[in-house]
């Protein structure tokens, strides 16, 4: 999910190549779905990355996130 940053709010920002990125994605997806604000549907981290950035995460990025 891609959202505009809102003035007066605080944000976490992480690189998608961090080994924990897929786990963070899962937490965000779950929380947003509970609020009814996840328009992408039930897609994986890899699918989301491809839709958002136009490419799949690097093999080593995805592999590190799953271990």
PDB file of N, CA and C in Angstrom:
ATOM      1  N   UNK A   1       0.854  -1.165   0.000  1.00  0.00           N
ATOM      2  CA  UNK A   1       0.000   0.000   0.000  1.00  0.00           C
ATOM      3  C   UNK A   1       0.898   1.226   0.000  1.00  0.00           C
ATOM      4  N   UNK A   2       0.562   2.169  -0.789  1.00  0.00           N
ATOM      5  CA  UNK A   2       1.308   3.424  -0.837  1.00  0.00           C
ATOM      6  C   UNK A   2       0.375   4.545  -0.408  1.00  0.00           C
ATOM      7  N   UNK A   3       0.795   5.311   0.575  1.00  0.00           N
ATOM      8  CA  UNK A   3      -0.032   6.404   1.078  1.00  0.00           C
ATOM      9  C   UNK A   3       0.795   7.678   1.111  1.00  0.00           C
ATOM     10  N   UNK A   4       0.113   8.801   1.043  1.00  0.00           N
ATOM     11  CA  UNK A   4       0.782  10.087   1.185  1.00  0.00           C
ATOM     12  C   UNK A   4       1.056  10.337   2.658  1.00  0.00           C
ATOM     13  N   UNK A   5       2.202  10.928   2.926  1.00  0.00           N
ATOM     14  CA  UNK A   5       2.533  11.284   4.302  1.00  0.00           C
ATOM     15  C   UNK A   5       1.715  12.508   4.687  1.00  0.00           C
ATOM     16  N   UNK A   6       1.184  12.473   5.912  1.00  0.00           N
ATOM     17  CA  UNK A   6       0.340  13.561   6.393  1.00  0.00           C
ATOM     18  C   UNK A   6       1.129  14.443   7.359  1.00  0.00           C
ATOM     19  N   UNK A   7       0.933  15.724   7.241  1.00  0.00           N
ATOM     20  CA  UNK A   7       1.605  16.677   8.112  1.00  0.00           C
ATOM     21  C   UNK A   7       1.216  16.431   9.570  1.00  0.00           C
ATOM     22  N   UNK A   8       2.182  16.564  10.459  1.00  0.00           N
ATOM     23  CA  UNK A   8       1.912  16.392  11.881  1.00  0.00           C
ATOM     24  C   UNK A   8       1.919  14.954  12.362  1.00  0.00           C
ATOM     25  N   UNK A   9       2.220  14.013  11.479  1.00  0.00           N
ATOM     26  CA  UNK A   9       2.259  12.600  11.853  1.00  0.00           C
ATOM     27  C   UNK A   9       3.705  12.131  11.916  1.00  0.00           C
ATOM     28  N   UNK A  10       3.962  11.060  12.644  1.00  0.00           N
ATOM     29  CA  UNK A  10       5.286  10.441  12.713  1.00  0.00           C
ATOM     30  C   UNK A  10       5.229   9.105  11.984  1.00  0.00           C
ATOM     31  N   UNK A  11       6.313   8.748  11.305  1.00  0.00           N
ATOM     32  CA  UNK A  11       6.320   7.550  10.479  1.00  0.00           C
ATOM     33  C   UNK A  11       7.567   6.703  10.710  1.00  0.00           C
ATOM     34  N   UNK A  12       7.410   5.397  10.521  1.00  0.00           N
ATOM     35  CA  UNK A  12       8.535   4.486  10.403  1.00  0.00           C
ATOM     36  C   UNK A  12       8.831   4.366   8.916  1.00  0.00           C
ATOM     37  N   UNK A  13      10.087   4.362   8.568  1.00  0.00           N
ATOM     38  CA  UNK A  13      10.469   4.136   7.176  1.00  0.00           C
ATOM     39  C   UNK A  13      11.542   3.057   7.184  1.00  0.00           C
ATOM     40  N   UNK A  14      11.334   2.011   6.384  1.00  0.00           N
ATOM     41  CA  UNK A  14      12.334   0.946   6.290  1.00  0.00           C
ATOM     42  C   UNK A  14      12.625   0.666   4.823  1.00  0.00           C
ATOM     43  N   UNK A  15      13.797   0.141   4.563  1.00  0.00           N
ATOM     44  CA  UNK A  15      14.150  -0.307   3.217  1.00  0.00           C
ATOM     45  C   UNK A  15      13.530  -1.678   2.994  1.00  0.00           C
ATOM     46  N   UNK A  16      13.065  -1.932   1.783  1.00  0.00           N
ATOM     47  CA  UNK A  16      12.457  -3.224   1.499  1.00  0.00           C
ATOM     48  C   UNK A  16      13.487  -4.341   1.412  1.00  0.00           C
ATOM     49  N   UNK A  17      14.781  -4.014   1.460  1.00  0.00           N
ATOM     50  CA  UNK A  17      15.803  -5.057   1.436  1.00  0.00           C
ATOM     51  C   UNK A  17      16.252  -5.476   2.840  1.00  0.00           C
ATOM     52  N   UNK A  18      15.653  -4.894   3.863  1.00  0.00           N
ATOM     53  CA  UNK A  18      15.980  -5.314   5.229  1.00  0.00           C
ATOM     54  C   UNK A  18      15.463  -6.733   5.458  1.00  0.00           C
ATOM     55  N   UNK A  19      16.169  -7.535   6.249  1.00  0.00           N
ATOM     56  CA  UNK A  19      15.736  -8.920   6.452  1.00  0.00           C
ATOM     57  C   UNK A  19      14.369  -9.043   7.119  1.00  0.00           C
ATOM     58  N   UNK A  20      13.911  -7.999   7.794  1.00  0.00           N
ATOM     59  CA  UNK A  20      12.616  -8.035   8.477  1.00  0.00           C
ATOM     60  C   UNK A  20      11.503  -7.360   7.671  1.00  0.00           C
ATOM     61  N   UNK A  21      11.792  -6.910   6.463  1.00  0.00           N
ATOM     62  CA  UNK A  21      10.813  -6.162   5.672  1.00  0.00           C
ATOM     63  C   UNK A  21       9.535  -6.961   5.411  1.00  0.00           C
ATOM     64  N   UNK A  22       9.663  -8.229   5.094  1.00  0.00           N
ATOM     65  CA  UNK A  22       8.473  -9.045   4.817  1.00  0.00           C
ATOM     66  C   UNK A  22       7.610  -9.189   6.065  1.00  0.00           C
ATOM     67  N   UNK A  23       8.240  -9.318   7.227  1.00  0.00           N
ATOM     68  CA  UNK A  23       7.485  -9.410   8.481  1.00  0.00           C
ATOM     69  C   UNK A  23       6.755  -8.102   8.772  1.00  0.00           C
ATOM     70  N   UNK A  24       7.410  -6.974   8.554  1.00  0.00           N
ATOM     71  CA  UNK A  24       6.788  -5.665   8.763  1.00  0.00           C
ATOM     72  C   UNK A  24       5.610  -5.504   7.805  1.00  0.00           C
ATOM     73  N   UNK A  25       5.805  -5.898   6.559  1.00  0.00           N
ATOM     74  CA  UNK A  25       4.727  -5.861   5.565  1.00  0.00           C
ATOM     75  C   UNK A  25       3.515  -6.644   6.078  1.00  0.00           C
ATOM     76  N   UNK A  26       3.750  -7.838   6.628  1.00  0.00           N
ATOM     77  CA  UNK A  26       2.651  -8.663   7.134  1.00  0.00           C
ATOM     78  C   UNK A  26       1.885  -7.984   8.251  1.00  0.00           C
ATOM     79  N   UNK A  27       2.599  -7.340   9.160  1.00  0.00           N
ATOM     80  CA  UNK A  27       1.948  -6.625  10.269  1.00  0.00           C
ATOM     81  C   UNK A  27       1.129  -5.454   9.728  1.00  0.00           C
ATOM     82  N   UNK A  28       1.716  -4.677   8.824  1.00  0.00           N
ATOM     83  CA  UNK A  28       0.995  -3.538   8.236  1.00  0.00           C
ATOM     84  C   UNK A  28      -0.246  -3.990   7.477  1.00  0.00           C
ATOM     85  N   UNK A  29      -0.087  -5.028   6.672  1.00  0.00           N
ATOM     86  CA  UNK A  29      -1.210  -5.549   5.890  1.00  0.00           C
ATOM     87  C   UNK A  29      -2.350  -5.988   6.806  1.00  0.00           C
ATOM     88  N   UNK A  30      -2.017  -6.738   7.854  1.00  0.00           N
ATOM     89  CA  UNK A  30      -3.037  -7.213   8.798  1.00  0.00           C
ATOM     90  C   UNK A  30      -3.757  -6.040   9.458  1.00  0.00           C
ATOM     91  N   UNK A  31      -2.994  -5.072   9.938  1.00  0.00           N
ATOM     92  CA  UNK A  31      -3.590  -3.910  10.599  1.00  0.00           C
ATOM     93  C   UNK A  31      -4.479  -3.098   9.671  1.00  0.00           C
ATOM     94  N   UNK A  32      -4.020  -2.899   8.453  1.00  0.00           N
ATOM     95  CA  UNK A  32      -4.808  -2.125   7.487  1.00  0.00           C
ATOM     96  C   UNK A  32      -6.065  -2.896   7.069  1.00  0.00           C
ATOM     97  N   UNK A  33      -5.950  -4.212   6.907  1.00  0.00           N
ATOM     98  CA  UNK A  33      -7.125  -5.015   6.553  1.00  0.00           C
ATOM     99  C   UNK A  33      -8.168  -4.952   7.666  1.00  0.00           C
ATOM    100  N   UNK A  34      -7.726  -4.965   8.917  1.00  0.00           N
ATOM    101  CA  UNK A  34      -8.660  -4.880  10.034  1.00  0.00           C
ATOM    102  C   UNK A  34      -9.412  -3.548  10.025  1.00  0.00           C
ATOM    103  N   UNK A  35      -8.761  -2.502   9.523  1.00  0.00           N
ATOM    104  CA  UNK A  35      -9.393  -1.190   9.419  1.00  0.00           C
ATOM    105  C   UNK A  35     -10.187  -1.040   8.124  1.00  0.00           C
ATOM    106  N   UNK A  36     -10.105  -2.040   7.224  1.00  0.00           N
ATOM    107  CA  UNK A  36     -10.789  -1.970   5.933  1.00  0.00           C
ATOM    108  C   UNK A  36     -10.096  -1.035   4.964  1.00  0.00           C
ATOM    109  N   UNK A  37      -8.786  -0.854   5.143  1.00  0.00           N
ATOM    110  CA  UNK A  37      -8.044   0.089   4.314  1.00  0.00           C
ATOM    111  C   UNK A  37      -6.882  -0.575   3.579  1.00  0.00           C
ATOM    112  N   UNK A  38      -7.098  -1.735   3.013  1.00  0.00           N
ATOM    113  CA  UNK A  38      -6.045  -2.440   2.266  1.00  0.00           C
ATOM    114  C   UNK A  38      -6.617  -2.804   0.895  1.00  0.00           C
ATOM    115  N   UNK A  39      -6.585  -1.877  -0.061  1.00  0.00           N
ATOM    116  CA  UNK A  39      -7.233  -2.100  -1.358  1.00  0.00           C
ATOM    117  C   UNK A  39      -6.546  -3.131  -2.246  1.00  0.00           C
ATOM    118  N   UNK A  40      -5.311  -3.516  -1.928  1.00  0.00           N
ATOM    119  CA  UNK A  40      -4.580  -4.449  -2.778  1.00  0.00           C
ATOM    120  C   UNK A  40      -5.094  -5.883  -2.689  1.00  0.00           C
ATOM    121  N   UNK A  41      -5.858  -6.205  -1.682  1.00  0.00           N
ATOM    122  CA  UNK A  41      -6.339  -7.571  -1.514  1.00  0.00           C
ATOM    123  C   UNK A  41      -5.291  -8.428  -0.829  1.00  0.00           C
ATOM    124  N   UNK A  42      -5.487  -9.717  -0.855  1.00  0.00           N
ATOM    125  CA  UNK A  42      -4.599 -10.643  -0.143  1.00  0.00           C
ATOM    126  C   UNK A  42      -3.402 -10.986  -1.020  1.00  0.00           C
ATOM    127  N   UNK A  43      -2.432 -10.066  -1.094  1.00  0.00           N
ATOM    128  CA  UNK A  43      -1.247 -10.281  -1.920  1.00  0.00           C
ATOM    129  C   UNK A  43      -0.020 -10.447  -1.027  1.00  0.00           C
ATOM    130  N   UNK A  44       0.968 -11.134  -1.567  1.00  0.00           N
ATOM    131  CA  UNK A  44       2.205 -11.384  -0.831  1.00  0.00           C
ATOM    132  C   UNK A  44       3.116 -10.152  -0.858  1.00  0.00           C
ATOM    133  N   UNK A  45       4.153 -10.196  -0.045  1.00  0.00           N
ATOM    134  CA  UNK A  45       5.165  -9.145  -0.038  1.00  0.00           C
ATOM    135  C   UNK A  45       5.755  -8.984  -1.435  1.00  0.00           C
ATOM    136  N   UNK A  46       6.090 -10.082  -2.083  1.00  0.00           N
ATOM    137  CA  UNK A  46       6.678 -10.041  -3.432  1.00  0.00           C
ATOM    138  C   UNK A  46       5.714  -9.381  -4.430  1.00  0.00           C
ATOM    139  N   UNK A  47       4.442  -9.785  -4.402  1.00  0.00           N
ATOM    140  CA  UNK A  47       3.452  -9.190  -5.306  1.00  0.00           C
ATOM    141  C   UNK A  47       3.293  -7.694  -5.033  1.00  0.00           C
ATOM    142  N   UNK A  48       3.232  -7.316  -3.759  1.00  0.00           N
ATOM    143  CA  UNK A  48       3.116  -5.905  -3.405  1.00  0.00           C
ATOM    144  C   UNK A  48       4.320  -5.125  -3.909  1.00  0.00           C
ATOM    145  N   UNK A  49       5.510  -5.684  -3.725  1.00  0.00           N
ATOM    146  CA  UNK A  49       6.741  -5.015  -4.158  1.00  0.00           C
ATOM    147  C   UNK A  49       6.716  -4.795  -5.665  1.00  0.00           C
ATOM    148  N   UNK A  50       6.302  -5.808  -6.418  1.00  0.00           N
ATOM    149  CA  UNK A  50       6.222  -5.689  -7.884  1.00  0.00           C
ATOM    150  C   UNK A  50       5.217  -4.614  -8.294  1.00  0.00           C
ATOM    151  N   UNK A  51       4.058  -4.585  -7.646  1.00  0.00           N
ATOM    152  CA  UNK A  51       3.037  -3.583  -7.988  1.00  0.00           C
ATOM    153  C   UNK A  51       3.480  -2.176  -7.607  1.00  0.00           C
ATOM    154  N   UNK A  52       4.170  -2.038  -6.484  1.00  0.00           N
ATOM    155  CA  UNK A  52       4.558  -0.729  -5.977  1.00  0.00           C
ATOM    156  C   UNK A  52       5.786  -0.171  -6.684  1.00  0.00           C
ATOM    157  N   UNK A  53       6.780  -1.015  -6.930  1.00  0.00           N
ATOM    158  CA  UNK A  53       8.052  -0.550  -7.468  1.00  0.00           C
ATOM    159  C   UNK A  53       8.330  -1.012  -8.887  1.00  0.00           C
ATOM    160  N   UNK A  54       7.417  -1.807  -9.469  1.00  0.00           N
ATOM    161  CA  UNK A  54       7.579  -2.245 -10.847  1.00  0.00           C
ATOM    162  C   UNK A  54       8.618  -3.326 -11.034  1.00  0.00           C
ATOM    163  N   UNK A  55       9.063  -3.930  -9.946  1.00  0.00           N
ATOM    164  CA  UNK A  55      10.027  -5.031 -10.030  1.00  0.00           C
ATOM    165  C   UNK A  55       9.916  -5.872  -8.763  1.00  0.00           C
ATOM    166  N   UNK A  56      10.327  -7.110  -8.912  1.00  0.00           N
ATOM    167  CA  UNK A  56      10.326  -8.003  -7.744  1.00  0.00           C
ATOM    168  C   UNK A  56      11.483  -7.626  -6.835  1.00  0.00           C
ATOM    169  N   UNK A  57      11.374  -7.918  -5.547  1.00  0.00           N
ATOM    170  CA  UNK A  57      12.518  -7.680  -4.673  1.00  0.00           C
ATOM    171  C   UNK A  57      13.689  -8.543  -5.142  1.00  0.00           C
ATOM    172  N   UNK A  58      14.891  -8.102  -4.898  1.00  0.00           N
ATOM    173  CA  UNK A  58      16.067  -8.883  -5.267  1.00  0.00           C
ATOM    174  C   UNK A  58      16.002 -10.234  -4.585  1.00  0.00           C
ATOM    175  N   UNK A  59      16.528 -11.263  -5.235  1.00  0.00           N
ATOM    176  CA  UNK A  59      16.464 -12.621  -4.694  1.00  0.00           C
ATOM    177  C   UNK A  59      17.031 -12.678  -3.285  1.00  0.00           C
ATOM    178  N   UNK A  60      18.171 -12.031  -3.051  1.00  0.00           N
ATOM    179  CA  UNK A  60      18.754 -12.081  -1.720  1.00  0.00           C
ATOM    180  C   UNK A  60      17.905 -11.325  -0.707  1.00  0.00           C
ATOM    181  N   UNK A  61      17.184 -10.286  -1.129  1.00  0.00           N
ATOM    182  CA  UNK A  61      16.287  -9.561  -0.231  1.00  0.00           C
ATOM    183  C   UNK A  61      15.180 -10.484   0.232  1.00  0.00           C
ATOM    184  N   UNK A  62      14.520 -11.129  -0.723  1.00  0.00           N
ATOM    185  CA  UNK A  62      13.377 -11.983  -0.402  1.00  0.00           C
ATOM    186  C   UNK A  62      13.836 -13.189   0.418  1.00  0.00           C
ATOM    187  N   UNK A  63      14.952 -13.782   0.038  1.00  0.00           N
ATOM    188  CA  UNK A  63      15.457 -14.947   0.746  1.00  0.00           C
ATOM    189  C   UNK A  63      15.805 -14.594   2.188  1.00  0.00           C
ATOM    190  N   UNK A  64      16.455 -13.457   2.406  1.00  0.00           N
ATOM    191  CA  UNK A  64      16.822 -13.046   3.764  1.00  0.00           C
ATOM    192  C   UNK A  64      15.589 -12.803   4.614  1.00  0.00           C
ATOM    193  N   UNK A  65      14.534 -12.287   4.014  1.00  0.00           N
ATOM    194  CA  UNK A  65      13.312 -11.968   4.765  1.00  0.00           C
ATOM    195  C   UNK A  65      12.552 -13.224   5.187  1.00  0.00           C
ATOM    196  N   UNK A  66      12.800 -14.334   4.530  1.00  0.00           N
ATOM    197  CA  UNK A  66      12.060 -15.541   4.853  1.00  0.00           C
ATOM    198  C   UNK A  66      12.806 -16.429   5.841  1.00  0.00           C
ATOM    199  N   UNK A  67      13.985 -16.015   6.286  1.00  0.00           N
ATOM    200  CA  UNK A  67      14.787 -16.826   7.236  1.00  0.00           C
ATOM    201  C   UNK A  67      14.866 -16.175   8.572  1.00  0.00           C
TER     202      UNK A  67
END
